[in-house]
N, C-alpha and C. Protein backbone atom coordinates (compact mmCIF):
# COMPACT_ATOMS: atom_id res chain seq x y z
N UNK A 1 27.23 25.07 2.39
CA UNK A 1 26.29 24.08 1.85
C UNK A 1 25.89 23.08 2.92
N UNK A 2 26.85 22.66 3.76
CA UNK A 2 26.54 21.68 4.80
C UNK A 2 25.52 22.23 5.79
N UNK A 3 25.63 23.53 6.13
CA UNK A 3 24.67 24.13 7.06
C UNK A 3 23.27 24.11 6.45
N UNK A 4 23.16 24.40 5.15
CA UNK A 4 21.88 24.35 4.46
C UNK A 4 21.33 22.93 4.47
N UNK A 5 22.21 21.95 4.24
CA UNK A 5 21.78 20.55 4.25
C UNK A 5 21.24 20.15 5.62
N UNK A 6 21.93 20.57 6.69
CA UNK A 6 21.46 20.26 8.04
C UNK A 6 20.11 20.90 8.32
N UNK A 7 19.93 22.15 7.87
CA UNK A 7 18.65 22.84 8.04
C UNK A 7 17.56 22.10 7.28
N UNK A 8 17.85 21.70 6.05
CA UNK A 8 16.88 20.96 5.24
C UNK A 8 16.53 19.63 5.89
N UNK A 9 17.53 18.91 6.37
CA UNK A 9 17.27 17.62 7.03
C UNK A 9 16.40 17.81 8.27
N UNK A 10 16.68 18.84 9.05
CA UNK A 10 15.90 19.11 10.25
C UNK A 10 14.46 19.45 9.89
N UNK A 11 14.26 20.30 8.89
CA UNK A 11 12.90 20.65 8.47
C UNK A 11 12.16 19.43 7.93
N UNK A 12 12.84 18.61 7.15
CA UNK A 12 12.21 17.38 6.64
C UNK A 12 11.78 16.47 7.79
N UNK A 13 12.65 16.32 8.79
CA UNK A 13 12.33 15.49 9.94
C UNK A 13 11.11 16.04 10.69
N UNK A 14 11.07 17.35 10.91
CA UNK A 14 9.93 17.97 11.58
C UNK A 14 8.64 17.80 10.77
N UNK A 15 8.72 18.01 9.46
CA UNK A 15 7.54 17.87 8.60
C UNK A 15 7.02 16.44 8.59
N UNK A 16 7.93 15.47 8.49
CA UNK A 16 7.52 14.07 8.46
C UNK A 16 6.90 13.65 9.79
N UNK A 17 7.45 14.10 10.89
CA UNK A 17 6.89 13.77 12.21
C UNK A 17 5.50 14.38 12.37
N UNK A 18 5.34 15.62 11.93
CA UNK A 18 4.04 16.27 12.02
C UNK A 18 3.02 15.56 11.12
N UNK A 19 3.45 15.18 9.93
CA UNK A 19 2.55 14.48 9.02
C UNK A 19 2.05 13.18 9.65
N UNK A 20 2.98 12.41 10.22
CA UNK A 20 2.58 11.14 10.86
C UNK A 20 1.65 11.39 12.04
N UNK A 21 1.89 12.45 12.79
CA UNK A 21 1.05 12.75 13.95
C UNK A 21 -0.38 13.12 13.52
N UNK A 22 -0.52 13.90 12.47
CA UNK A 22 -1.83 14.35 12.02
C UNK A 22 -2.55 13.38 11.09
N UNK A 23 -1.82 12.44 10.50
CA UNK A 23 -2.36 11.61 9.42
C UNK A 23 -3.69 10.91 9.77
N UNK A 24 -3.82 10.22 10.92
CA UNK A 24 -5.09 9.52 11.18
C UNK A 24 -6.30 10.45 11.14
N UNK A 25 -6.19 11.61 11.73
CA UNK A 25 -7.31 12.55 11.73
C UNK A 25 -7.54 13.12 10.33
N UNK A 26 -6.45 13.43 9.63
CA UNK A 26 -6.57 14.00 8.29
C UNK A 26 -7.26 13.04 7.33
N UNK A 27 -6.85 11.79 7.34
CA UNK A 27 -7.41 10.84 6.39
C UNK A 27 -8.88 10.55 6.70
N UNK A 28 -9.26 10.63 7.96
CA UNK A 28 -10.67 10.42 8.32
C UNK A 28 -11.54 11.62 7.96
N UNK A 29 -11.03 12.82 8.14
CA UNK A 29 -11.84 14.02 7.97
C UNK A 29 -11.65 14.74 6.64
N UNK A 30 -10.52 14.51 5.96
CA UNK A 30 -10.20 15.33 4.78
C UNK A 30 -9.64 14.53 3.61
N UNK A 31 -9.95 13.25 3.51
CA UNK A 31 -9.41 12.46 2.41
C UNK A 31 -9.80 13.09 1.07
N UNK A 32 -8.83 13.15 0.17
CA UNK A 32 -9.05 13.75 -1.14
C UNK A 32 -8.63 15.20 -1.23
N UNK A 33 -8.36 15.82 -0.09
CA UNK A 33 -7.89 17.20 -0.08
C UNK A 33 -6.36 17.21 -0.03
N UNK A 34 -5.78 18.38 0.04
CA UNK A 34 -4.32 18.55 0.03
C UNK A 34 -3.87 19.25 1.31
N UNK A 35 -2.65 18.93 1.75
CA UNK A 35 -2.08 19.55 2.94
C UNK A 35 -0.74 20.18 2.62
N UNK A 36 -0.38 21.15 3.45
CA UNK A 36 0.94 21.76 3.41
C UNK A 36 1.49 21.76 4.83
N UNK A 37 2.69 21.22 4.99
CA UNK A 37 3.45 21.31 6.23
C UNK A 37 4.71 22.11 5.95
N UNK A 38 5.08 22.98 6.89
CA UNK A 38 6.32 23.73 6.79
C UNK A 38 6.87 23.93 8.20
N UNK A 39 8.16 23.66 8.37
CA UNK A 39 8.82 23.78 9.67
C UNK A 39 8.10 22.99 10.75
N UNK A 40 7.56 21.85 10.38
CA UNK A 40 6.91 20.96 11.34
C UNK A 40 5.52 21.37 11.75
N UNK A 41 4.94 22.33 11.06
CA UNK A 41 3.59 22.79 11.40
C UNK A 41 2.65 22.61 10.21
N UNK A 42 1.41 22.26 10.53
CA UNK A 42 0.38 22.16 9.51
C UNK A 42 -0.01 23.57 9.10
N UNK A 43 0.27 23.92 7.87
CA UNK A 43 -0.04 25.26 7.37
C UNK A 43 -1.50 25.35 6.96
N UNK A 44 -2.01 24.28 6.36
CA UNK A 44 -3.41 24.32 5.96
C UNK A 44 -3.84 23.08 5.20
N UNK A 45 -5.15 22.98 5.04
CA UNK A 45 -5.81 21.91 4.28
C UNK A 45 -6.55 22.59 3.14
N UNK A 46 -6.37 22.06 1.93
CA UNK A 46 -6.86 22.74 0.74
C UNK A 46 -7.62 21.79 -0.17
N UNK A 47 -8.51 22.34 -0.96
CA UNK A 47 -9.32 21.55 -1.89
C UNK A 47 -8.52 21.09 -3.11
N UNK A 48 -7.44 21.81 -3.44
CA UNK A 48 -6.67 21.45 -4.63
C UNK A 48 -5.18 21.69 -4.40
N UNK A 49 -4.38 21.08 -5.25
CA UNK A 49 -2.93 21.27 -5.20
C UNK A 49 -2.58 22.73 -5.51
N UNK A 50 -3.30 23.33 -6.43
CA UNK A 50 -3.06 24.72 -6.81
C UNK A 50 -3.25 25.64 -5.60
N UNK A 51 -4.31 25.42 -4.82
CA UNK A 51 -4.53 26.24 -3.62
C UNK A 51 -3.40 26.05 -2.62
N UNK A 52 -2.94 24.81 -2.47
CA UNK A 52 -1.84 24.53 -1.53
C UNK A 52 -0.57 25.26 -1.95
N UNK A 53 -0.24 25.19 -3.22
CA UNK A 53 0.97 25.84 -3.72
C UNK A 53 0.84 27.36 -3.62
N UNK A 54 -0.33 27.88 -3.92
CA UNK A 54 -0.54 29.33 -3.82
C UNK A 54 -0.33 29.80 -2.39
N UNK A 55 -0.72 29.01 -1.41
CA UNK A 55 -0.52 29.37 -0.01
C UNK A 55 0.96 29.44 0.33
N UNK A 56 1.75 28.53 -0.20
CA UNK A 56 3.20 28.57 0.02
C UNK A 56 3.76 29.89 -0.50
N UNK A 57 3.30 30.30 -1.66
CA UNK A 57 3.75 31.57 -2.24
C UNK A 57 3.26 32.75 -1.41
N UNK A 58 1.99 32.73 -1.03
CA UNK A 58 1.38 33.83 -0.29
C UNK A 58 2.08 34.07 1.05
N UNK A 59 2.40 32.99 1.75
CA UNK A 59 3.03 33.10 3.06
C UNK A 59 4.57 33.11 2.98
N UNK A 60 5.09 33.27 1.77
CA UNK A 60 6.54 33.38 1.56
C UNK A 60 7.30 32.21 2.18
N UNK A 61 6.85 31.01 1.90
CA UNK A 61 7.48 29.79 2.43
C UNK A 61 8.34 29.09 1.39
N UNK A 62 8.61 29.73 0.28
CA UNK A 62 9.36 29.10 -0.79
C UNK A 62 10.77 28.70 -0.38
N UNK A 63 11.36 29.39 0.59
CA UNK A 63 12.72 29.08 1.01
C UNK A 63 12.78 27.89 1.97
N UNK A 64 11.64 27.41 2.43
CA UNK A 64 11.59 26.29 3.37
C UNK A 64 11.45 24.96 2.64
N UNK A 65 11.76 23.88 3.35
CA UNK A 65 11.40 22.55 2.88
C UNK A 65 9.95 22.33 3.29
N UNK A 66 9.08 22.19 2.32
CA UNK A 66 7.65 22.03 2.60
C UNK A 66 7.20 20.65 2.15
N UNK A 67 6.16 20.17 2.78
CA UNK A 67 5.50 18.96 2.32
C UNK A 67 4.16 19.38 1.74
N UNK A 68 3.95 19.06 0.48
CA UNK A 68 2.68 19.28 -0.20
C UNK A 68 2.21 17.90 -0.63
N UNK A 69 1.07 17.46 -0.10
CA UNK A 69 0.66 16.09 -0.35
C UNK A 69 -0.85 15.96 -0.38
N UNK A 70 -1.35 15.06 -1.25
CA UNK A 70 -2.77 14.74 -1.16
C UNK A 70 -3.00 13.90 0.10
N UNK A 71 -4.17 14.01 0.67
CA UNK A 71 -4.52 13.21 1.84
C UNK A 71 -5.23 11.97 1.32
N UNK A 72 -4.55 10.85 1.43
CA UNK A 72 -5.08 9.59 0.91
C UNK A 72 -4.52 8.41 1.70
N UNK A 73 -5.29 7.35 1.75
CA UNK A 73 -4.83 6.12 2.40
C UNK A 73 -3.84 5.37 1.50
N UNK A 74 -3.88 5.66 0.22
CA UNK A 74 -3.04 4.96 -0.75
C UNK A 74 -1.66 5.58 -0.79
N UNK A 75 -0.73 4.86 -1.39
CA UNK A 75 0.62 5.41 -1.55
C UNK A 75 0.52 6.74 -2.28
N UNK A 76 1.34 7.66 -1.86
CA UNK A 76 1.28 8.99 -2.43
C UNK A 76 2.68 9.50 -2.74
N UNK A 77 2.74 10.42 -3.64
CA UNK A 77 3.99 11.09 -3.95
C UNK A 77 4.02 12.39 -3.15
N UNK A 78 5.07 12.57 -2.37
CA UNK A 78 5.20 13.76 -1.54
C UNK A 78 6.26 14.64 -2.16
N UNK A 79 5.95 15.92 -2.30
CA UNK A 79 6.90 16.87 -2.85
C UNK A 79 7.57 17.59 -1.69
N UNK A 80 8.86 17.37 -1.53
CA UNK A 80 9.61 18.03 -0.48
C UNK A 80 10.36 19.21 -1.06
N UNK A 81 10.38 20.29 -0.33
CA UNK A 81 11.15 21.44 -0.75
C UNK A 81 10.58 22.16 -1.96
N UNK A 82 9.28 22.15 -2.10
CA UNK A 82 8.67 22.80 -3.24
C UNK A 82 9.13 24.25 -3.32
N UNK A 83 9.60 24.64 -4.47
CA UNK A 83 9.98 26.02 -4.70
C UNK A 83 11.43 26.33 -4.39
N UNK A 84 12.12 25.43 -3.75
CA UNK A 84 13.51 25.68 -3.39
C UNK A 84 14.37 25.42 -4.62
N UNK A 85 15.29 26.31 -4.85
CA UNK A 85 16.23 26.14 -5.95
C UNK A 85 17.44 25.37 -5.42
N UNK A 86 17.65 24.18 -5.95
CA UNK A 86 18.78 23.37 -5.52
C UNK A 86 19.97 23.64 -6.41
N UNK A 87 21.16 23.66 -5.82
CA UNK A 87 22.38 23.90 -6.58
C UNK A 87 23.03 22.60 -6.96
């Protein structure tokens, strides 16, 4: 379990760093759309949350800690680890 926790923490750290790095450009060019980050990489920009989640399923990223978030200047709720079954 500890090894899984370390992997999750590392992926969360990578995703959060990538989100902060891309955020200024994303909010200027894509406000109102949705993003997915996985393993510290921008997976894609989507018109809806449904499209973002479908991409996670399509690319078999359910086992990863993912960030699925609307692109907005306002406070947002970020879903970490979408699709992961926690014990």
